[in-house]
C-alpha atoms as a PDB file:
ATOM      1  CA  MET A   1      -0.164   0.128  -0.132  1.00  0.00           C
ATOM      2  CA  GLY A   2       1.824   3.468  -1.359  1.00  0.00           C
ATOM      3  CA  PRO A   3       1.162   6.411   1.438  1.00  0.00           C
ATOM      4  CA  ALA A   4      -1.615   8.393  -0.726  1.00  0.00           C
ATOM      5  CA  ALA A   5      -3.536   5.351  -0.150  1.00  0.00           C
ATOM      6  CA  ALA A   6      -3.074   5.049   3.105  1.00  0.00           C
ATOM      7  CA  LEU A   7      -3.320   8.605   4.185  1.00  0.00           C
ATOM      8  CA  THR A   8      -6.845   8.180   1.860  1.00  0.00           C
ATOM      9  CA  GLY A   9      -7.620   5.294   4.365  1.00  0.00           C
ATOM     10  CA  LEU A  10      -6.462   6.790   7.836  1.00  0.00           C
ATOM     11  CA  LEU A  11      -8.954  10.070   6.038  1.00  0.00           C
ATOM     12  CA  LEU A  12     -11.985   7.821   5.790  1.00  0.00           C
ATOM     13  CA  ALA A  13     -11.528   5.849   8.943  1.00  0.00           C
ATOM     14  CA  VAL A  14     -11.181   9.916  11.072  1.00  0.00           C
ATOM     15  CA  THR A  15     -14.209  11.209   8.911  1.00  0.00           C
ATOM     16  CA  THR A  16     -16.186   7.859   9.265  1.00  0.00           C
ATOM     17  CA  THR A  17     -15.548   7.670  13.609  1.00  0.00           C
ATOM     18  CA  ALA A  18     -16.053  11.456  13.502  1.00  0.00           C
ATOM     19  CA  CYS A  19     -19.083  10.961  11.769  1.00  0.00           C
ATOM     20  CA  GLY A  20     -20.183   7.925  14.278  1.00  0.00           C
ATOM     21  CA  SER A  21     -18.930   9.924  17.300  1.00  0.00           C
ATOM     22  CA  LEU A  22     -21.872  12.987  16.481  1.00  0.00           C
ATOM     23  CA  ASP A  23     -24.446  10.982  15.565  1.00  0.00           C
ATOM     24  CA  GLU A  24     -24.101   8.904  18.756  1.00  0.00           C
ATOM     25  CA  ARG A  25     -23.458  12.465  20.693  1.00  0.00           C
ATOM     26  CA  ARG A  26     -26.635  13.948  19.136  1.00  0.00           C
ATOM     27  CA  ASP A  27     -28.456  10.492  19.744  1.00  0.00           C
ATOM     28  CA  ASP A  28     -27.875  11.244  23.466  1.00  0.00           C
ATOM     29  CA  ALA A  29     -28.485  14.071  23.833  1.00  0.00           C
ATOM     30  CA  ARG A  30     -31.990  13.935  22.061  1.00  0.00           C
ATOM     31  CA  ALA A  31     -32.894  10.756  24.121  1.00  0.00           C
ATOM     32  CA  ALA A  32     -32.192  13.232  26.589  1.00  0.00           C
ATOM     33  CA  ALA A  33     -34.274  15.974  25.879  1.00  0.00           C
ATOM     34  CA  VAL A  34     -36.936  13.723  25.413  1.00  0.00           C
ATOM     35  CA  ARG A  35     -36.545  12.492  28.869  1.00  0.00           C
ATOM     36  CA  PHE A  36     -37.565  15.977  30.245  1.00  0.00           C
ATOM     37  CA  GLU A  37     -40.152  16.147  28.299  1.00  0.00           C
ATOM     38  CA  GLN A  38     -41.613  13.008  28.713  1.00  0.00           C
ATOM     39  CA  ALA A  39     -41.273  13.831  32.751  1.00  0.00           C
ATOM     40  CA  LEU A  40     -43.086  16.863  32.198  1.00  0.00           C
ATOM     41  CA  ARG A  41     -45.544  15.577  30.934  1.00  0.00           C
ATOM     42  CA  ALA A  42     -46.778  13.468  33.415  1.00  0.00           C
ATOM     43  CA  GLY A  43     -45.450  15.323  36.567  1.00  0.00           C
ATOM     44  CA  ARG A  44     -42.511  13.063  37.369  1.00  0.00           C
ATOM     45  CA  THR A  45     -40.573  16.107  39.146  1.00  0.00           C
ATOM     46  CA  ALA A  46     -37.938  13.650  40.340  1.00  0.00           C
ATOM     47  CA  VAL A  47     -36.980  12.624  36.775  1.00  0.00           C
ATOM     48  CA  LEU A  48     -37.184  16.408  36.060  1.00  0.00           C
ATOM     49  CA  CYS A  49     -34.238  17.480  37.977  1.00  0.00           C
ATOM     50  CA  ALA A  50     -32.847  14.364  37.769  1.00  0.00           C
ATOM     51  CA  VAL A  51     -32.298  15.748  33.840  1.00  0.00           C
ATOM     52  CA  LEU A  52     -31.505  18.872  34.812  1.00  0.00           C
ATOM     53  CA  ALA A  53     -27.902  20.034  35.063  1.00  0.00           C
ATOM     54  CA  PRO A  54     -25.894  20.842  37.814  1.00  0.00           C
ATOM     55  CA  GLY A  55     -25.667  24.346  38.212  1.00  0.00           C
ATOM     56  CA  THR A  56     -29.787  24.678  37.124  1.00  0.00           C
ATOM     57  CA  ARG A  57     -31.075  22.497  39.621  1.00  0.00           C
ATOM     58  CA  GLU A  58     -28.902  24.055  42.059  1.00  0.00           C
ATOM     59  CA  GLU A  59     -30.376  27.675  40.441  1.00  0.00           C
ATOM     60  CA  VAL A  60     -33.751  25.759  40.714  1.00  0.00           C
ATOM     61  CA  GLU A  61     -33.507  25.578  44.118  1.00  0.00           C
ATOM     62  CA  GLN A  62     -32.258  28.878  44.891  1.00  0.00           C
ATOM     63  CA  SER A  63     -34.486  30.427  43.286  1.00  0.00           C
ATOM     64  CA  ALA A  64     -37.220  29.213  45.287  1.00  0.00           C
ATOM     65  CA  GLU A  65     -35.911  28.323  48.416  1.00  0.00           C
ATOM     66  CA  GLU A  66     -36.953  24.554  48.205  1.00  0.00           C
ATOM     67  CA  PRO A  67     -36.099  21.465  46.978  1.00  0.00           C
ATOM     68  CA  CYS A  68     -35.710  20.760  43.542  1.00  0.00           C
ATOM     69  CA  ASP A  69     -38.876  18.280  43.153  1.00  0.00           C
ATOM     70  CA  ARG A  70     -41.310  20.684  44.565  1.00  0.00           C
ATOM     71  CA  ALA A  71     -39.820  23.567  43.049  1.00  0.00           C
ATOM     72  CA  VAL A  72     -39.885  22.565  39.541  1.00  0.00           C
ATOM     73  CA  GLU A  73     -43.788  22.292  40.161  1.00  0.00           C
ATOM     74  CA  GLY A  74     -44.097  25.991  40.677  1.00  0.00           C
ATOM     75  CA  GLU A  75     -42.428  27.265  37.491  1.00  0.00           C
ATOM     76  CA  ARG A  76     -43.607  27.925  33.902  1.00  0.00           C
ATOM     77  CA  LEU A  77     -42.551  25.496  31.955  1.00  0.00           C
ATOM     78  CA  PRO A  78     -44.669  24.746  28.004  1.00  0.00           C
ATOM     79  CA  ALA A  79     -45.249  21.016  27.131  1.00  0.00           C
ATOM     80  CA  GLY A  80     -42.931  21.105  24.503  1.00  0.00           C
ATOM     81  CA  GLY A  81     -43.777  18.276  22.075  1.00  0.00           C
ATOM     82  CA  THR A  82     -41.682  16.663  20.055  1.00  0.00           C
ATOM     83  CA  VAL A  83     -38.302  17.246  19.468  1.00  0.00           C
ATOM     84  CA  ARG A  84     -38.052  18.960  16.106  1.00  0.00           C
ATOM     85  CA  HIS A  85     -34.353  19.561  15.398  1.00  0.00           C
ATOM     86  CA  MET A  86     -31.092  18.896  16.966  1.00  0.00           C
ATOM     87  CA  ASP A  87     -27.712  21.246  17.591  1.00  0.00           C
ATOM     88  CA  VAL A  88     -24.803  19.558  18.675  1.00  0.00           C
ATOM     89  CA  TYR A  89     -21.277  21.502  18.745  1.00  0.00           C
ATOM     90  CA  GLY A  90     -19.057  19.413  21.083  1.00  0.00           C
ATOM     91  CA  ASP A  91     -20.879  18.960  24.340  1.00  0.00           C
ATOM     92  CA  GLN A  92     -23.014  21.786  24.070  1.00  0.00           C
ATOM     93  CA  ALA A  93     -26.709  20.829  22.579  1.00  0.00           C
ATOM     94  CA  ARG A  94     -29.381  22.746  21.493  1.00  0.00           C
ATOM     95  CA  ALA A  95     -33.212  20.323  20.903  1.00  0.00           C
ATOM     96  CA  VAL A  96     -35.860  22.285  19.085  1.00  0.00           C
ATOM     97  CA  LEU A  97     -39.028  21.141  20.130  1.00  0.00           C
ATOM     98  CA  GLU A  98     -42.482  22.141  18.478  1.00  0.00           C
ATOM     99  CA  HIS A  99     -43.528  24.507  21.661  1.00  0.00           C
ATOM    100  CA  ASP A 100     -39.907  24.626  23.603  1.00  0.00           C
ATOM    101  CA  THR A 101     -36.308  24.687  23.166  1.00  0.00           C
ATOM    102  CA  LEU A 102     -33.863  23.541  25.558  1.00  0.00           C
ATOM    103  CA  PHE A 103     -30.523  23.864  25.768  1.00  0.00           C
ATOM    104  CA  LEU A 104     -28.576  20.541  27.032  1.00  0.00           C
ATOM    105  CA  ALA A 105     -24.276  20.064  27.684  1.00  0.00           C
ATOM    106  CA  HIS A 106     -22.917  16.637  28.441  1.00  0.00           C
ATOM    107  CA  PHE A 107     -21.278  15.999  31.748  1.00  0.00           C
ATOM    108  CA  ASP A 108     -19.343  12.762  33.194  1.00  0.00           C
ATOM    109  CA  ALA A 109     -22.716  11.642  33.857  1.00  0.00           C
ATOM    110  CA  GLY A 110     -24.346  12.231  30.297  1.00  0.00           C
ATOM    111  CA  TRP A 111     -26.330  15.195  28.629  1.00  0.00           C
ATOM    112  CA  LYS A 112     -28.450  17.077  31.234  1.00  0.00           C
ATOM    113  CA  VAL A 113     -30.863  20.198  31.016  1.00  0.00           C
ATOM    114  CA  THR A 114     -28.505  23.041  31.119  1.00  0.00           C
ATOM    115  CA  ALA A 115     -31.895  25.527  30.478  1.00  0.00           C
ATOM    116  CA  ALA A 116     -36.142  24.930  29.343  1.00  0.00           C
ATOM    117  CA  GLY A 117     -38.903  26.668  28.825  1.00  0.00           C
ATOM    118  CA  CYS A 118     -36.582  28.843  26.099  1.00  0.00           C
ATOM    119  CA  GLU A 119     -38.181  31.536  23.437  1.00  0.00           C
ATOM    120  CA  PRO A 120     -36.244  33.371  20.598  1.00  0.00           C
ATOM    121  CA  ARG A 121     -36.137  36.860  21.221  1.00  0.00           C
ATOM    122  CA  GLY A 122     -34.277  37.845  17.512  1.00  0.00           C
ATOM    123  CA  GLU A 123     -30.735  38.783  18.098  1.00  0.00           C
ATOM    124  CA  GLN A 124     -30.875  38.993  21.787  1.00  0.00           C
ATOM    125  CA  PRO A 125     -30.122  35.281  23.676  1.00  0.00           C
ATOM    126  CA  TYR A 126     -32.766  33.628  24.778  1.00  0.00           C
ATOM    127  CA  GLN A 127     -35.145  33.928  26.906  1.00  0.00           C
ATOM    128  CA  CYS A 128     -35.641  30.695  29.516  1.00  0.00           C
ATOM    129  CA  GLU A 129     -37.819  30.066  32.468  1.00  0.00           C
ATOM    130  CA  ILE A 130     -35.108  27.749  33.932  1.00  0.00           C
ATOM    131  CA  LYS A 131     -31.573  28.117  33.237  1.00  0.00           C
ATOM    132  CA  GLY A 132     -27.754  27.791  35.768  1.00  0.00           C
ATOM    133  CA  ARG A 133     -25.741  30.007  36.007  1.00  0.00           C
END
């Protein structure tokens, strides 16, 4: 095998691995968004809180001055519906649902929701009901 063929094989292997990795990250982030949405619809606040990123969960608890599972009951989160689009950039993701937008980050424990109940505001940052620091 000549150097050109070896380089082509290496590039193909790297490209295939990178695509698979992006697909896996997108699928895993989508699964976390779906878990969050299912927990929201079912009123399963403990599961909802488990899908929140640590900083987001802490912010929710501090703002409400009560445990997360009780604090999220008072939040005005829309029923987001199904995931329509996923954007994944490294360890960050955005899930665009039918009636909501979620932001997620990848942690050692997997993908977690960093912000929910988010509405776009043109050129300004999203306005979110739940967000971390």
